[in-house]
Amino acid sequence: MKTKNAFILFAVLFFLAFFPRVGASPHAGLFFDGIKAYHAGHYDEAASIFSRIAGEGVVNDKLYYNLGNAYYKKNDPGRAILWYERAFRLSPEDADLKYNLEFVRSQVKDLGEDKTNAIFKILFFWKYALSEAALRWIAVISNGLFWILLTVQVMRRKRTSRLFAGVAGTMVLILALTAGFGYYENRFMKKAVILSEKAVVRSGWSEDATELFVLHAGTRVEVEKEERGYFRIYFSKGKIGWVKKETAEII
C-alpha cells in the first residue's frame, strides 16, 4: 500500500485549490480532518469524514483514493476496491492508485474473467491510459484542429494531400469513437463490486431460488439488470445469477 507524504500534501493542496474559499465551503476543512484522522490511525473516523464529503456530491479522484486507503486499513477490501475503482475511472494514469488497486485485487478470493480482447487493449491503449474526460477533450480538440486546418488549406487554395487528409480524418474518427464508447461503457455497461464478506448468487430474485455459487468481498462483476431488490450479475463464463442489491454496489 502506498500513502506517500508528498502525495498526501499534494492532495490537500489540490483540495485547497478546488475549494479556495474555505469559509464558503466545509469540504477543504473536512478533508484536512480526514487526513489528520488517517495519519493518527483513526481509520473509522477518516472513512466517515471522506464518505461525508463524497456523499455531498464531490467527485474527486484524490478524495476517492484516500477513502479507498481508509477502508483498506479498516480491513474492508470490498469498499476499498469500490472507491479505488471510482478513483481509477477519473485518473487511470495515477501510478500510486493503480498500484494500490492491483495490490488489493490480488487479495480477493474470486478471480473473474476479463472479457476485453487483449489485441483490442493493445490497439486502443489510450482508452485504458486516459480518463473518460481526457478522451473527450482530446477528441473534441483534435476534431476542431482537423477542420480548422482543412478550412485554412481550402481558403489559401492549397491542395491538401489525400493521404494526409485520409489519415488525419481516420485518426479523428477513431478518437471520437473511442471517447463515445468510453462514455457508453461507463454509463450503460454497469459494473459493481461485492461488498459483503460472502454474497450468495442464486438462480432467481428470491430467497427460495437455487444457490448457484458464492462470491466474496472485492469481487468485480458486471450488472446486467436490476429487479426486485436484486442484481442479475455476470461473473465469468457459466457463472451468471442474482445477488441481493445490499451485497454489492455499482462502481
Protein backbone atom coordinates (compact mmCIF):
# COMPACT_ATOMS: atom_id res chain seq x y z
CA MET A 1 0.00 0.00 0.00
CA LYS A 2 1.27 3.44 -0.91
CA THR A 3 0.40 6.52 1.15
CA LYS A 4 3.33 8.82 0.43
CA ASN A 5 3.53 12.03 2.46
CA ALA A 6 4.23 14.01 -0.70
CA PHE A 7 1.10 12.61 -2.28
CA ILE A 8 -0.98 13.44 0.78
CA LEU A 9 0.38 17.00 0.75
CA PHE A 10 -0.46 17.29 -2.93
CA ALA A 11 -3.98 16.01 -2.28
CA VAL A 12 -4.51 18.61 0.44
CA LEU A 13 -3.18 21.41 -1.77
CA PHE A 14 -5.40 20.17 -4.59
CA PHE A 15 -8.44 20.40 -2.35
CA LEU A 16 -7.48 23.88 -1.26
CA ALA A 17 -7.23 24.88 -4.90
CA PHE A 18 -10.52 23.19 -5.68
CA PHE A 19 -12.24 24.87 -2.75
CA PRO A 20 -10.32 28.16 -2.43
CA ARG A 21 -12.93 29.81 -0.23
CA VAL A 22 -12.69 27.55 2.80
CA GLY A 23 -15.09 29.76 4.68
CA ALA A 24 -17.71 29.28 1.99
CA SER A 25 -17.31 25.50 1.82
CA PRO A 26 -16.69 22.92 4.55
CA HIS A 27 -15.08 20.41 2.19
CA ALA A 28 -11.46 21.58 2.40
CA GLY A 29 -11.57 21.68 6.20
CA LEU A 30 -13.24 18.28 6.35
CA PHE A 31 -10.64 16.83 4.01
CA PHE A 32 -7.88 18.15 6.33
CA ASP A 33 -9.66 16.49 9.26
CA GLY A 34 -9.84 13.21 7.34
CA ILE A 35 -6.12 13.31 6.53
CA LYS A 36 -5.25 14.02 10.17
CA ALA A 37 -7.50 11.21 11.38
CA TYR A 38 -5.94 8.79 8.89
CA HIS A 39 -2.37 9.60 9.96
CA ALA A 40 -3.39 9.29 13.61
CA GLY A 41 -4.58 5.76 12.88
CA HIS A 42 -8.27 6.63 13.33
CA TYR A 43 -9.38 4.89 10.16
CA ASP A 44 -13.07 4.68 11.07
CA GLU A 45 -13.16 8.43 11.58
CA ALA A 46 -11.20 9.09 8.38
CA ALA A 47 -13.52 6.88 6.32
CA SER A 48 -16.56 8.58 7.85
CA ILE A 49 -15.24 12.06 7.01
CA PHE A 50 -14.26 11.18 3.44
CA SER A 51 -17.60 9.40 2.93
CA ARG A 52 -19.43 12.50 4.12
CA ILE A 53 -17.61 14.64 1.54
CA ALA A 54 -18.34 12.13 -1.24
CA GLY A 55 -21.96 11.90 -0.11
CA GLU A 56 -22.32 15.65 -0.61
CA GLY A 57 -21.63 15.24 -4.31
CA VAL A 58 -17.88 15.91 -4.51
CA VAL A 59 -16.36 13.96 -7.42
CA ASN A 60 -12.60 13.88 -6.97
CA ASP A 61 -10.00 11.16 -7.57
CA LYS A 62 -7.84 12.21 -4.57
CA LEU A 63 -10.85 12.00 -2.27
CA TYR A 64 -11.80 8.57 -3.60
CA TYR A 65 -8.18 7.36 -3.35
CA ASN A 66 -7.94 8.34 0.32
CA LEU A 67 -11.34 6.81 1.02
CA GLY A 68 -10.09 3.55 -0.51
CA ASN A 69 -6.98 3.71 1.70
CA ALA A 70 -9.09 4.25 4.82
CA TYR A 71 -11.35 1.30 4.03
CA TYR A 72 -8.35 -0.92 3.36
CA LYS A 73 -6.93 -0.03 6.77
CA LYS A 74 -10.35 -0.90 8.23
CA ASN A 75 -9.94 -4.36 6.70
CA ASP A 76 -12.85 -3.75 4.32
CA PRO A 77 -11.49 -4.86 0.91
CA GLY A 78 -14.86 -4.59 -0.81
CA ARG A 79 -15.30 -0.87 -0.16
CA ALA A 80 -11.57 -0.23 -0.64
CA ILE A 81 -11.74 -1.66 -4.16
CA LEU A 82 -15.03 0.14 -4.85
CA TRP A 83 -13.51 3.55 -4.15
CA TYR A 84 -10.21 2.74 -5.86
CA GLU A 85 -12.21 1.73 -8.95
CA ARG A 86 -14.13 5.01 -8.84
CA ALA A 87 -10.87 6.95 -8.50
CA PHE A 88 -9.31 4.93 -11.33
CA ARG A 89 -12.09 5.98 -13.71
CA LEU A 90 -11.19 9.60 -13.03
CA SER A 91 -7.41 9.18 -13.03
CA PRO A 92 -6.21 5.93 -14.67
CA GLU A 93 -2.72 7.39 -15.13
CA ASP A 94 -2.11 7.66 -11.35
CA ALA A 95 0.67 5.15 -10.57
CA ASP A 96 0.07 5.01 -6.79
CA LEU A 97 -3.65 4.47 -7.29
CA LYS A 98 -3.04 1.73 -9.84
CA TYR A 99 -0.57 0.01 -7.50
CA ASN A 100 -2.98 0.06 -4.55
CA LEU A 101 -5.89 -1.17 -6.66
CA GLU A 102 -3.88 -4.08 -8.07
CA PHE A 103 -2.47 -4.87 -4.61
CA VAL A 104 -5.91 -5.17 -3.00
CA ARG A 105 -7.31 -7.02 -6.02
CA SER A 106 -4.56 -9.62 -5.61
CA GLN A 107 -6.02 -10.48 -2.19
CA VAL A 108 -9.55 -11.10 -3.48
CA LYS A 109 -10.60 -14.76 -3.35
CA ASP A 110 -12.57 -14.86 -6.60
CA LEU A 111 -10.74 -14.45 -9.90
CA GLY A 112 -13.11 -13.18 -12.57
CA GLU A 113 -12.89 -13.09 -16.32
CA ASP A 114 -11.73 -10.10 -18.36
CA LYS A 115 -13.96 -10.08 -21.44
CA THR A 116 -11.88 -7.41 -23.20
CA ASN A 117 -9.82 -8.79 -26.07
CA ALA A 118 -6.05 -8.44 -25.45
CA ILE A 119 -5.45 -7.23 -29.03
CA PHE A 120 -8.12 -4.55 -28.55
CA LYS A 121 -6.29 -3.35 -25.43
CA ILE A 122 -3.04 -3.05 -27.38
CA LEU A 123 -4.54 -1.32 -30.43
CA PHE A 124 -6.60 1.12 -28.35
CA PHE A 125 -4.14 1.53 -25.46
CA TRP A 126 -5.05 5.19 -24.95
CA LYS A 127 -8.56 4.20 -23.86
CA TYR A 128 -7.08 2.41 -20.84
CA ALA A 129 -4.41 5.03 -20.11
CA LEU A 130 -6.62 8.14 -20.09
CA SER A 131 -9.75 9.11 -18.22
CA GLU A 132 -13.10 9.45 -19.95
CA ALA A 133 -12.95 13.25 -19.58
CA ALA A 134 -9.44 13.41 -21.08
CA LEU A 135 -10.52 11.27 -24.04
CA ARG A 136 -13.50 13.55 -24.68
CA TRP A 137 -11.32 16.66 -24.65
CA ILE A 138 -8.72 15.10 -26.95
CA ALA A 139 -11.46 14.02 -29.37
CA VAL A 140 -13.06 17.48 -29.39
CA ILE A 141 -9.76 19.36 -29.78
CA SER A 142 -8.39 17.04 -32.49
CA ASN A 143 -11.67 17.28 -34.40
CA GLY A 144 -11.59 21.07 -34.18
CA LEU A 145 -7.96 21.26 -35.30
CA PHE A 146 -8.64 18.95 -38.23
CA TRP A 147 -11.45 21.12 -39.60
CA ILE A 148 -9.56 24.36 -38.94
CA LEU A 149 -6.51 23.12 -40.85
CA LEU A 150 -8.69 21.82 -43.66
CA THR A 151 -10.55 25.14 -43.88
CA VAL A 152 -7.28 27.11 -43.94
CA GLN A 153 -5.97 24.93 -46.74
CA VAL A 154 -9.13 25.49 -48.78
CA MET A 155 -9.14 29.26 -48.16
CA ARG A 156 -5.49 29.52 -49.19
CA ARG A 157 -6.36 27.44 -52.24
CA LYS A 158 -3.69 24.90 -51.45
CA ARG A 159 -4.17 21.33 -52.45
CA THR A 160 -4.36 19.04 -49.46
CA SER A 161 -2.73 15.65 -49.76
CA ARG A 162 -5.42 13.00 -49.96
CA LEU A 163 -3.22 10.69 -47.93
CA PHE A 164 -2.76 13.29 -45.17
CA ALA A 165 -6.46 14.14 -45.12
CA GLY A 166 -7.41 10.47 -45.05
CA VAL A 167 -5.01 9.55 -42.24
CA ALA A 168 -5.87 12.62 -40.15
CA GLY A 169 -9.60 12.12 -40.68
CA THR A 170 -9.34 8.44 -39.72
CA MET A 171 -7.44 9.28 -36.53
CA VAL A 172 -10.01 11.90 -35.55
CA LEU A 173 -12.81 9.41 -36.20
CA ILE A 174 -11.10 6.70 -34.11
CA LEU A 175 -10.60 9.13 -31.22
CA ALA A 176 -14.23 10.22 -31.40
CA LEU A 177 -15.46 6.61 -31.47
CA THR A 178 -13.17 5.69 -28.56
CA ALA A 179 -14.46 8.60 -26.48
CA GLY A 180 -18.04 7.72 -27.39
CA PHE A 181 -17.57 4.07 -26.47
CA GLY A 182 -15.95 5.05 -23.17
CA TYR A 183 -18.95 7.22 -22.34
CA TYR A 184 -21.37 4.43 -23.30
CA GLU A 185 -19.39 1.83 -21.33
CA ASN A 186 -19.33 3.89 -18.13
CA ARG A 187 -22.99 4.92 -18.36
CA PHE A 188 -24.72 1.80 -19.62
CA MET A 189 -22.39 -1.20 -19.08
CA LYS A 190 -22.62 -1.22 -15.30
CA LYS A 191 -20.02 -2.88 -13.12
CA ALA A 192 -20.27 -3.49 -9.40
CA VAL A 193 -18.12 -4.65 -6.50
CA ILE A 194 -19.22 -7.23 -3.95
CA LEU A 195 -19.16 -5.59 -0.50
CA SER A 196 -20.37 -8.40 1.76
CA GLU A 197 -17.87 -10.90 3.09
CA LYS A 198 -19.93 -13.54 1.28
CA ALA A 199 -22.64 -12.97 -1.32
CA VAL A 200 -24.84 -15.89 -2.36
CA VAL A 201 -25.60 -15.94 -6.08
CA ARG A 202 -28.98 -17.53 -6.84
CA SER A 203 -30.85 -18.68 -9.92
CA GLY A 204 -33.55 -16.02 -9.42
CA TRP A 205 -34.55 -12.96 -7.40
CA SER A 206 -35.85 -14.88 -4.40
CA GLU A 207 -34.54 -16.43 -1.20
CA ASP A 208 -36.16 -19.65 -2.39
CA ALA A 209 -34.18 -19.69 -5.65
CA THR A 210 -31.40 -22.25 -6.02
CA GLU A 211 -27.99 -21.26 -4.66
CA LEU A 212 -25.55 -21.39 -7.58
CA PHE A 213 -22.26 -20.18 -6.12
CA VAL A 214 -20.77 -17.71 -3.63
CA LEU A 215 -18.72 -14.57 -4.27
CA HIS A 216 -16.57 -12.72 -1.75
CA ALA A 217 -15.78 -9.11 -0.85
CA GLY A 218 -13.89 -7.17 -3.51
CA THR A 219 -15.01 -9.28 -6.46
CA ARG A 220 -15.92 -7.20 -9.52
CA VAL A 221 -18.94 -8.25 -11.57
CA GLU A 222 -20.97 -6.94 -14.49
CA VAL A 223 -24.54 -5.91 -13.73
CA GLU A 224 -26.97 -6.94 -16.46
CA LYS A 225 -30.20 -5.75 -14.82
CA GLU A 226 -31.84 -4.74 -11.54
CA GLU A 227 -35.12 -6.25 -10.38
CA ARG A 228 -36.99 -6.57 -7.08
CA GLY A 229 -34.03 -5.72 -4.87
CA TYR A 230 -31.59 -7.94 -6.78
CA PHE A 231 -28.83 -7.51 -9.36
CA ARG A 232 -28.53 -10.01 -12.19
CA ILE A 233 -24.76 -10.32 -12.48
CA TYR A 234 -22.21 -11.86 -14.82
CA PHE A 235 -19.04 -13.09 -13.12
CA SER A 236 -17.47 -15.40 -15.70
CA LYS A 237 -18.49 -17.87 -18.38
CA GLY A 238 -21.19 -20.10 -16.94
CA LYS A 239 -21.41 -18.07 -13.72
CA ILE A 240 -24.44 -15.82 -14.01
CA GLY A 241 -27.10 -15.27 -11.37
CA TRP A 242 -28.83 -12.94 -8.93
CA VAL A 243 -27.45 -11.28 -5.78
CA LYS A 244 -29.16 -9.01 -3.28
CA LYS A 245 -28.50 -5.33 -4.01
CA GLU A 246 -27.30 -4.69 -0.47
CA THR A 247 -24.41 -7.13 -1.00
CA ALA A 248 -22.91 -5.12 -3.89
CA GLU A 249 -22.60 -1.55 -5.14
CA ILE A 250 -22.33 -0.05 -8.62
CA ILE A 251 -18.91 1.47 -9.34
